[in-house]
Amino acid sequence: MGSALGLSLSLLSAVVTLVTFGGLLWTLSRKWPVQAFGTHVHIPGLMMWVAVGTSLLSMVAAHFVGRRLVQINFDKLRVEADFRYG
């Protein structure tokens, strides 16, 4: 019961933080014109989209780097266990 409550409070906190900072970024970048190829392009909430893109890119990079670490950690624990047994 205690872990379910903790998980629920963590989820609520993450959602509130996302809505708060997402709304703030969207509001701050609501009227930023971007110049591309000599024309002004208006992208609503540009800072929010940049933050989402950055987080997705870092998540993919962490996945590819961390995926190899699982096997390395497993091998390390296996060798240490064999050493202790011997």
PDB file of N, CA and C in Angstrom:
ATOM      1  N   MET A   1       0.829  -1.199   0.000  1.00  0.00           N
ATOM      2  CA  MET A   1       0.000   0.000   0.000  1.00  0.00           C
ATOM      3  C   MET A   1       0.870   1.258   0.000  1.00  0.00           C
ATOM      4  N   GLY A   2       1.939   1.212   0.783  1.00  0.00           N
ATOM      5  CA  GLY A   2       2.815   2.376   0.875  1.00  0.00           C
ATOM      6  C   GLY A   2       3.525   2.675  -0.433  1.00  0.00           C
ATOM      7  N   SER A   3       3.929   1.621  -1.148  1.00  0.00           N
ATOM      8  CA  SER A   3       4.616   1.852  -2.416  1.00  0.00           C
ATOM      9  C   SER A   3       3.637   2.363  -3.481  1.00  0.00           C
ATOM     10  N   ALA A   4       2.396   1.919  -3.430  1.00  0.00           N
ATOM     11  CA  ALA A   4       1.398   2.418  -4.382  1.00  0.00           C
ATOM     12  C   ALA A   4       1.125   3.901  -4.137  1.00  0.00           C
ATOM     13  N   LEU A   5       1.085   4.288  -2.873  1.00  0.00           N
ATOM     14  CA  LEU A   5       0.877   5.697  -2.547  1.00  0.00           C
ATOM     15  C   LEU A   5       2.057   6.536  -3.003  1.00  0.00           C
ATOM     16  N   GLY A   6       3.274   6.046  -2.755  1.00  0.00           N
ATOM     17  CA  GLY A   6       4.469   6.767  -3.184  1.00  0.00           C
ATOM     18  C   GLY A   6       4.542   6.903  -4.686  1.00  0.00           C
ATOM     19  N   LEU A   7       4.195   5.829  -5.402  1.00  0.00           N
ATOM     20  CA  LEU A   7       4.190   5.866  -6.858  1.00  0.00           C
ATOM     21  C   LEU A   7       3.138   6.844  -7.377  1.00  0.00           C
ATOM     22  N   SER A   8       1.968   6.852  -6.758  1.00  0.00           N
ATOM     23  CA  SER A   8       0.911   7.774  -7.168  1.00  0.00           C
ATOM     24  C   SER A   8       1.309   9.221  -6.938  1.00  0.00           C
ATOM     25  N   LEU A   9       1.941   9.501  -5.812  1.00  0.00           N
ATOM     26  CA  LEU A   9       2.381  10.864  -5.535  1.00  0.00           C
ATOM     27  C   LEU A   9       3.502  11.292  -6.479  1.00  0.00           C
ATOM     28  N   SER A  10       4.384  10.367  -6.827  1.00  0.00           N
ATOM     29  CA  SER A  10       5.443  10.687  -7.788  1.00  0.00           C
ATOM     30  C   SER A  10       4.856  10.988  -9.163  1.00  0.00           C
ATOM     31  N   LEU A  11       3.871  10.202  -9.572  1.00  0.00           N
ATOM     32  CA  LEU A  11       3.214  10.439 -10.855  1.00  0.00           C
ATOM     33  C   LEU A  11       2.496  11.788 -10.857  1.00  0.00           C
ATOM     34  N   LEU A  12       1.789  12.083  -9.786  1.00  0.00           N
ATOM     35  CA  LEU A  12       1.097  13.365  -9.684  1.00  0.00           C
ATOM     36  C   LEU A  12       2.084  14.522  -9.738  1.00  0.00           C
ATOM     37  N   SER A  13       3.197  14.386  -9.039  1.00  0.00           N
ATOM     38  CA  SER A  13       4.223  15.429  -9.045  1.00  0.00           C
ATOM     39  C   SER A  13       4.801  15.630 -10.439  1.00  0.00           C
ATOM     40  N   ALA A  14       5.063  14.538 -11.164  1.00  0.00           N
ATOM     41  CA  ALA A  14       5.613  14.643 -12.512  1.00  0.00           C
ATOM     42  C   ALA A  14       4.619  15.304 -13.467  1.00  0.00           C
ATOM     43  N   VAL A  15       3.347  14.970 -13.345  1.00  0.00           N
ATOM     44  CA  VAL A  15       2.328  15.565 -14.220  1.00  0.00           C
ATOM     45  C   VAL A  15       2.185  17.062 -13.938  1.00  0.00           C
ATOM     46  N   VAL A  16       2.169  17.430 -12.660  1.00  0.00           N
ATOM     47  CA  VAL A  16       2.057  18.850 -12.296  1.00  0.00           C
ATOM     48  C   VAL A  16       3.268  19.621 -12.798  1.00  0.00           C
ATOM     49  N   THR A  17       4.455  19.052 -12.665  1.00  0.00           N
ATOM     50  CA  THR A  17       5.674  19.715 -13.150  1.00  0.00           C
ATOM     51  C   THR A  17       5.627  19.866 -14.663  1.00  0.00           C
ATOM     52  N   LEU A  18       5.196  18.829 -15.377  1.00  0.00           N
ATOM     53  CA  LEU A  18       5.101  18.900 -16.834  1.00  0.00           C
ATOM     54  C   LEU A  18       4.124  19.982 -17.273  1.00  0.00           C
ATOM     55  N   VAL A  19       2.966  20.030 -16.662  1.00  0.00           N
ATOM     56  CA  VAL A  19       1.959  21.028 -17.039  1.00  0.00           C
ATOM     57  C   VAL A  19       2.452  22.435 -16.712  1.00  0.00           C
ATOM     58  N   THR A  20       3.061  22.599 -15.539  1.00  0.00           N
ATOM     59  CA  THR A  20       3.520  23.923 -15.125  1.00  0.00           C
ATOM     60  C   THR A  20       4.622  24.449 -16.035  1.00  0.00           C
ATOM     61  N   PHE A  21       5.696  23.675 -16.176  1.00  0.00           N
ATOM     62  CA  PHE A  21       6.813  24.156 -16.989  1.00  0.00           C
ATOM     63  C   PHE A  21       6.495  24.128 -18.472  1.00  0.00           C
ATOM     64  N   GLY A  22       5.695  23.172 -18.907  1.00  0.00           N
ATOM     65  CA  GLY A  22       5.271  23.166 -20.302  1.00  0.00           C
ATOM     66  C   GLY A  22       4.451  24.397 -20.644  1.00  0.00           C
ATOM     67  N   GLY A  23       3.537  24.751 -19.764  1.00  0.00           N
ATOM     68  CA  GLY A  23       2.744  25.973 -19.977  1.00  0.00           C
ATOM     69  C   GLY A  23       3.595  27.224 -19.956  1.00  0.00           C
ATOM     70  N   LEU A  24       4.577  27.249 -19.072  1.00  0.00           N
ATOM     71  CA  LEU A  24       5.482  28.398 -18.991  1.00  0.00           C
ATOM     72  C   LEU A  24       6.299  28.527 -20.271  1.00  0.00           C
ATOM     73  N   LEU A  25       6.872  27.427 -20.748  1.00  0.00           N
ATOM     74  CA  LEU A  25       7.642  27.476 -21.992  1.00  0.00           C
ATOM     75  C   LEU A  25       6.770  27.858 -23.171  1.00  0.00           C
ATOM     76  N   TRP A  26       5.568  27.320 -23.211  1.00  0.00           N
ATOM     77  CA  TRP A  26       4.657  27.644 -24.312  1.00  0.00           C
ATOM     78  C   TRP A  26       4.311  29.130 -24.299  1.00  0.00           C
ATOM     79  N   THR A  27       4.040  29.672 -23.105  1.00  0.00           N
ATOM     80  CA  THR A  27       3.672  31.084 -22.990  1.00  0.00           C
ATOM     81  C   THR A  27       4.833  31.999 -23.357  1.00  0.00           C
ATOM     82  N   LEU A  28       6.030  31.658 -22.905  1.00  0.00           N
ATOM     83  CA  LEU A  28       7.190  32.504 -23.193  1.00  0.00           C
ATOM     84  C   LEU A  28       7.533  32.538 -24.676  1.00  0.00           C
ATOM     85  N   SER A  29       7.318  31.437 -25.381  1.00  0.00           N
ATOM     86  CA  SER A  29       7.704  31.389 -26.794  1.00  0.00           C
ATOM     87  C   SER A  29       6.507  31.461 -27.731  1.00  0.00           C
ATOM     88  N   ARG A  30       5.429  32.016 -27.268  1.00  0.00           N
ATOM     89  CA  ARG A  30       4.213  32.081 -28.085  1.00  0.00           C
ATOM     90  C   ARG A  30       4.401  32.945 -29.326  1.00  0.00           C
ATOM     91  N   LYS A  31       5.127  34.035 -29.211  1.00  0.00           N
ATOM     92  CA  LYS A  31       5.219  34.986 -30.331  1.00  0.00           C
ATOM     93  C   LYS A  31       6.647  35.162 -30.831  1.00  0.00           C
ATOM     94  N   TRP A  32       7.445  34.127 -30.811  1.00  0.00           N
ATOM     95  CA  TRP A  32       8.810  34.216 -31.319  1.00  0.00           C
ATOM     96  C   TRP A  32       8.830  33.900 -32.803  1.00  0.00           C
ATOM     97  N   PRO A  33       9.193  34.887 -33.626  1.00  0.00           N
ATOM     98  CA  PRO A  33       9.345  34.578 -35.054  1.00  0.00           C
ATOM     99  C   PRO A  33      10.720  33.930 -35.291  1.00  0.00           C
ATOM    100  N   VAL A  34      10.748  32.980 -36.188  1.00  0.00           N
ATOM    101  CA  VAL A  34      11.991  32.307 -36.546  1.00  0.00           C
ATOM    102  C   VAL A  34      12.247  32.590 -38.010  1.00  0.00           C
ATOM    103  N   GLN A  35      13.467  33.027 -38.302  1.00  0.00           N
ATOM    104  CA  GLN A  35      13.794  33.321 -39.691  1.00  0.00           C
ATOM    105  C   GLN A  35      14.435  32.087 -40.316  1.00  0.00           C
ATOM    106  N   ALA A  36      13.812  31.570 -41.367  1.00  0.00           N
ATOM    107  CA  ALA A  36      14.323  30.405 -42.071  1.00  0.00           C
ATOM    108  C   ALA A  36      14.269  30.655 -43.561  1.00  0.00           C
ATOM    109  N   PHE A  37      15.409  30.583 -44.207  1.00  0.00           N
ATOM    110  CA  PHE A  37      15.518  30.775 -45.658  1.00  0.00           C
ATOM    111  C   PHE A  37      14.964  32.121 -46.106  1.00  0.00           C
ATOM    112  N   GLY A  38      15.194  33.149 -45.311  1.00  0.00           N
ATOM    113  CA  GLY A  38      14.783  34.490 -45.677  1.00  0.00           C
ATOM    114  C   GLY A  38      13.339  34.826 -45.364  1.00  0.00           C
ATOM    115  N   THR A  39      12.578  33.917 -44.841  1.00  0.00           N
ATOM    116  CA  THR A  39      11.193  34.195 -44.481  1.00  0.00           C
ATOM    117  C   THR A  39      11.010  33.972 -42.980  1.00  0.00           C
ATOM    118  N   HIS A  40      10.056  34.684 -42.429  1.00  0.00           N
ATOM    119  CA  HIS A  40       9.748  34.537 -41.015  1.00  0.00           C
ATOM    120  C   HIS A  40       8.697  33.443 -40.842  1.00  0.00           C
ATOM    121  N   VAL A  41       9.039  32.482 -40.023  1.00  0.00           N
ATOM    122  CA  VAL A  41       8.135  31.370 -39.751  1.00  0.00           C
ATOM    123  C   VAL A  41       7.703  31.477 -38.301  1.00  0.00           C
ATOM    124  N   HIS A  42       6.424  31.296 -38.056  1.00  0.00           N
ATOM    125  CA  HIS A  42       5.900  31.360 -36.697  1.00  0.00           C
ATOM    126  C   HIS A  42       5.553  29.950 -36.233  1.00  0.00           C
ATOM    127  N   ILE A  43       6.275  29.481 -35.210  1.00  0.00           N
ATOM    128  CA  ILE A  43       6.017  28.158 -34.640  1.00  0.00           C
ATOM    129  C   ILE A  43       5.515  28.369 -33.217  1.00  0.00           C
ATOM    130  N   PRO A  44       4.238  28.121 -32.956  1.00  0.00           N
ATOM    131  CA  PRO A  44       3.714  28.326 -31.604  1.00  0.00           C
ATOM    132  C   PRO A  44       4.382  27.376 -30.607  1.00  0.00           C
ATOM    133  N   GLY A  45       4.812  27.924 -29.486  1.00  0.00           N
ATOM    134  CA  GLY A  45       5.416  27.119 -28.436  1.00  0.00           C
ATOM    135  C   GLY A  45       6.757  26.525 -28.820  1.00  0.00           C
ATOM    136  N   LEU A  46       7.588  27.298 -29.503  1.00  0.00           N
ATOM    137  CA  LEU A  46       8.858  26.791 -30.015  1.00  0.00           C
ATOM    138  C   LEU A  46       9.739  26.218 -28.903  1.00  0.00           C
ATOM    139  N   MET A  47       9.820  26.896 -27.772  1.00  0.00           N
ATOM    140  CA  MET A  47      10.664  26.411 -26.681  1.00  0.00           C
ATOM    141  C   MET A  47      10.170  25.071 -26.155  1.00  0.00           C
ATOM    142  N   MET A  48       8.881  24.876 -26.132  1.00  0.00           N
ATOM    143  CA  MET A  48       8.316  23.605 -25.678  1.00  0.00           C
ATOM    144  C   MET A  48       8.715  22.489 -26.627  1.00  0.00           C
ATOM    145  N   TRP A  49       8.638  22.733 -27.947  1.00  0.00           N
ATOM    146  CA  TRP A  49       8.997  21.712 -28.922  1.00  0.00           C
ATOM    147  C   TRP A  49      10.491  21.418 -28.883  1.00  0.00           C
ATOM    148  N   VAL A  50      11.307  22.428 -28.648  1.00  0.00           N
ATOM    149  CA  VAL A  50      12.751  22.210 -28.527  1.00  0.00           C
ATOM    150  C   VAL A  50      13.044  21.362 -27.291  1.00  0.00           C
ATOM    151  N   ALA A  51      12.363  21.637 -26.186  1.00  0.00           N
ATOM    152  CA  ALA A  51      12.565  20.850 -24.963  1.00  0.00           C
ATOM    153  C   ALA A  51      12.125  19.395 -25.158  1.00  0.00           C
ATOM    154  N   VAL A  52      11.015  19.181 -25.837  1.00  0.00           N
ATOM    155  CA  VAL A  52      10.540  17.817 -26.096  1.00  0.00           C
ATOM    156  C   VAL A  52      11.519  17.089 -27.016  1.00  0.00           C
ATOM    157  N   GLY A  53      11.988  17.761 -28.051  1.00  0.00           N
ATOM    158  CA  GLY A  53      12.953  17.149 -28.966  1.00  0.00           C
ATOM    159  C   GLY A  53      14.270  16.804 -28.294  1.00  0.00           C
ATOM    160  N   THR A  54      14.745  17.711 -27.454  1.00  0.00           N
ATOM    161  CA  THR A  54      15.984  17.466 -26.724  1.00  0.00           C
ATOM    162  C   THR A  54      15.845  16.282 -25.783  1.00  0.00           C
ATOM    163  N   SER A  55      14.718  16.204 -25.084  1.00  0.00           N
ATOM    164  CA  SER A  55      14.532  15.090 -24.152  1.00  0.00           C
ATOM    165  C   SER A  55      14.409  13.763 -24.895  1.00  0.00           C
ATOM    166  N   LEU A  56      13.735  13.749 -26.045  1.00  0.00           N
ATOM    167  CA  LEU A  56      13.640  12.517 -26.826  1.00  0.00           C
ATOM    168  C   LEU A  56      15.003  12.080 -27.358  1.00  0.00           C
ATOM    169  N   LEU A  57      15.789  13.046 -27.830  1.00  0.00           N
ATOM    170  CA  LEU A  57      17.117  12.730 -28.338  1.00  0.00           C
ATOM    171  C   LEU A  57      18.018  12.179 -27.233  1.00  0.00           C
ATOM    172  N   SER A  58      17.963  12.781 -26.048  1.00  0.00           N
ATOM    173  CA  SER A  58      18.784  12.286 -24.940  1.00  0.00           C
ATOM    174  C   SER A  58      18.299  10.921 -24.451  1.00  0.00           C
ATOM    175  N   MET A  59      17.001  10.662 -24.524  1.00  0.00           N
ATOM    176  CA  MET A  59      16.474   9.357 -24.132  1.00  0.00           C
ATOM    177  C   MET A  59      16.955   8.263 -25.084  1.00  0.00           C
ATOM    178  N   VAL A  60      16.972   8.546 -26.376  1.00  0.00           N
ATOM    179  CA  VAL A  60      17.452   7.574 -27.354  1.00  0.00           C
ATOM    180  C   VAL A  60      18.944   7.327 -27.162  1.00  0.00           C
ATOM    181  N   ALA A  61      19.719   8.396 -26.925  1.00  0.00           N
ATOM    182  CA  ALA A  61      21.157   8.241 -26.700  1.00  0.00           C
ATOM    183  C   ALA A  61      21.428   7.419 -25.441  1.00  0.00           C
ATOM    184  N   ALA A  62      20.686   7.677 -24.369  1.00  0.00           N
ATOM    185  CA  ALA A  62      20.865   6.920 -23.129  1.00  0.00           C
ATOM    186  C   ALA A  62      20.492   5.457 -23.329  1.00  0.00           C
ATOM    187  N   HIS A  63      19.499   5.187 -24.156  1.00  0.00           N
ATOM    188  CA  HIS A  63      19.106   3.801 -24.432  1.00  0.00           C
ATOM    189  C   HIS A  63      20.235   3.056 -25.129  1.00  0.00           C
ATOM    190  N   PHE A  64      20.818   3.670 -26.156  1.00  0.00           N
ATOM    191  CA  PHE A  64      21.867   2.981 -26.901  1.00  0.00           C
ATOM    192  C   PHE A  64      23.140   2.812 -26.077  1.00  0.00           C
ATOM    193  N   VAL A  65      23.447   3.773 -25.222  1.00  0.00           N
ATOM    194  CA  VAL A  65      24.620   3.645 -24.363  1.00  0.00           C
ATOM    195  C   VAL A  65      24.350   2.661 -23.237  1.00  0.00           C
ATOM    196  N   GLY A  66      23.199   2.747 -22.611  1.00  0.00           N
ATOM    197  CA  GLY A  66      22.876   1.912 -21.465  1.00  0.00           C
ATOM    198  C   GLY A  66      22.582   0.474 -21.810  1.00  0.00           C
ATOM    199  N   ARG A  67      22.181   0.209 -23.031  1.00  0.00           N
ATOM    200  CA  ARG A  67      21.847  -1.152 -23.442  1.00  0.00           C
ATOM    201  C   ARG A  67      23.060  -2.073 -23.325  1.00  0.00           C
ATOM    202  N   ARG A  68      24.240  -1.569 -23.635  1.00  0.00           N
ATOM    203  CA  ARG A  68      25.453  -2.372 -23.544  1.00  0.00           C
ATOM    204  C   ARG A  68      25.867  -2.584 -22.092  1.00  0.00           C
ATOM    205  N   LEU A  69      25.525  -1.646 -21.227  1.00  0.00           N
ATOM    206  CA  LEU A  69      25.942  -1.744 -19.835  1.00  0.00           C
ATOM    207  C   LEU A  69      25.247  -2.871 -19.091  1.00  0.00           C
ATOM    208  N   VAL A  70      24.069  -3.284 -19.528  1.00  0.00           N
ATOM    209  CA  VAL A  70      23.347  -4.370 -18.859  1.00  0.00           C
ATOM    210  C   VAL A  70      24.151  -5.662 -18.952  1.00  0.00           C
ATOM    211  N   GLN A  71      24.619  -5.998 -20.136  1.00  0.00           N
ATOM    212  CA  GLN A  71      25.406  -7.213 -20.318  1.00  0.00           C
ATOM    213  C   GLN A  71      26.743  -7.120 -19.590  1.00  0.00           C
ATOM    214  N   ILE A  72      27.363  -5.946 -19.607  1.00  0.00           N
ATOM    215  CA  ILE A  72      28.639  -5.769 -18.910  1.00  0.00           C
ATOM    216  C   ILE A  72      28.454  -5.966 -17.413  1.00  0.00           C
ATOM    217  N   ASN A  73      27.395  -5.411 -16.843  1.00  0.00           N
ATOM    218  CA  ASN A  73      27.127  -5.565 -15.413  1.00  0.00           C
ATOM    219  C   ASN A  73      26.817  -7.021 -15.069  1.00  0.00           C
ATOM    220  N   PHE A  74      26.075  -7.717 -15.931  1.00  0.00           N
ATOM    221  CA  PHE A  74      25.766  -9.127 -15.699  1.00  0.00           C
ATOM    222  C   PHE A  74      27.046  -9.972 -15.685  1.00  0.00           C
ATOM    223  N   ASP A  75      27.923  -9.726 -16.646  1.00  0.00           N
ATOM    224  CA  ASP A  75      29.189 -10.462 -16.694  1.00  0.00           C
ATOM    225  C   ASP A  75      30.048 -10.182 -15.472  1.00  0.00           C
ATOM    226  N   LYS A  76      30.065  -8.948 -15.029  1.00  0.00           N
ATOM    227  CA  LYS A  76      30.848  -8.570 -13.851  1.00  0.00           C
ATOM    228  C   LYS A  76      30.336  -9.305 -12.610  1.00  0.00           C
ATOM    229  N   LEU A  77      29.033  -9.323 -12.424  1.00  0.00           N
ATOM    230  CA  LEU A  77      28.463 -10.013 -11.269  1.00  0.00           C
ATOM    231  C   LEU A  77      28.702 -11.520 -11.336  1.00  0.00           C
ATOM    232  N   ARG A  78      28.631 -12.096 -12.534  1.00  0.00           N
ATOM    233  CA  ARG A  78      28.881 -13.528 -12.691  1.00  0.00           C
ATOM    234  C   ARG A  78      30.325 -13.877 -12.344  1.00  0.00           C
ATOM    235  N   VAL A  79      31.281 -13.063 -12.822  1.00  0.00           N
ATOM    236  CA  VAL A  79      32.692 -13.317 -12.532  1.00  0.00           C
ATOM    237  C   VAL A  79      32.968 -13.151 -11.048  1.00  0.00           C
ATOM    238  N   GLU A  80      32.388 -12.135 -10.418  1.00  0.00           N
ATOM    239  CA  GLU A  80      32.585 -11.941  -8.980  1.00  0.00           C
ATOM    240  C   GLU A  80      31.997 -13.106  -8.183  1.00  0.00           C
ATOM    241  N   ALA A  81      30.856 -13.628  -8.601  1.00  0.00           N
ATOM    242  CA  ALA A  81      30.241 -14.750  -7.912  1.00  0.00           C
ATOM    243  C   ALA A  81      31.100 -16.018  -8.063  1.00  0.00           C
ATOM    244  N   ASP A  82      31.632 -16.243  -9.254  1.00  0.00           N
ATOM    245  CA  ASP A  82      32.516 -17.386  -9.464  1.00  0.00           C
ATOM    246  C   ASP A  82      33.774 -17.266  -8.619  1.00  0.00           C
ATOM    247  N   PHE A  83      34.289 -16.040  -8.489  1.00  0.00           N
ATOM    248  CA  PHE A  83      35.486 -15.817  -7.672  1.00  0.00           C
ATOM    249  C   PHE A  83      35.203 -16.115  -6.197  1.00  0.00           C
ATOM    250  N   ARG A  84      34.057 -15.644  -5.707  1.00  0.00           N
ATOM    251  CA  ARG A  84      33.722 -15.900  -4.295  1.00  0.00           C
ATOM    252  C   ARG A  84      33.479 -17.378  -4.040  1.00  0.00           C
ATOM    253  N   TYR A  85      32.880 -18.049  -5.002  1.00  0.00           N
ATOM    254  CA  TYR A  85      32.630 -19.481  -4.839  1.00  0.00           C
ATOM    255  C   TYR A  85      33.945 -20.270  -4.811  1.00  0.00           C
ATOM    256  N   GLY A  86      34.866 -19.858  -5.654  1.00  0.00           N
ATOM    257  CA  GLY A  86      36.150 -20.570  -5.738  1.00  0.00           C
ATOM    258  C   GLY A  86      37.014 -20.249  -4.567  1.00  0.00           C
TER     259      GLY A  86
END
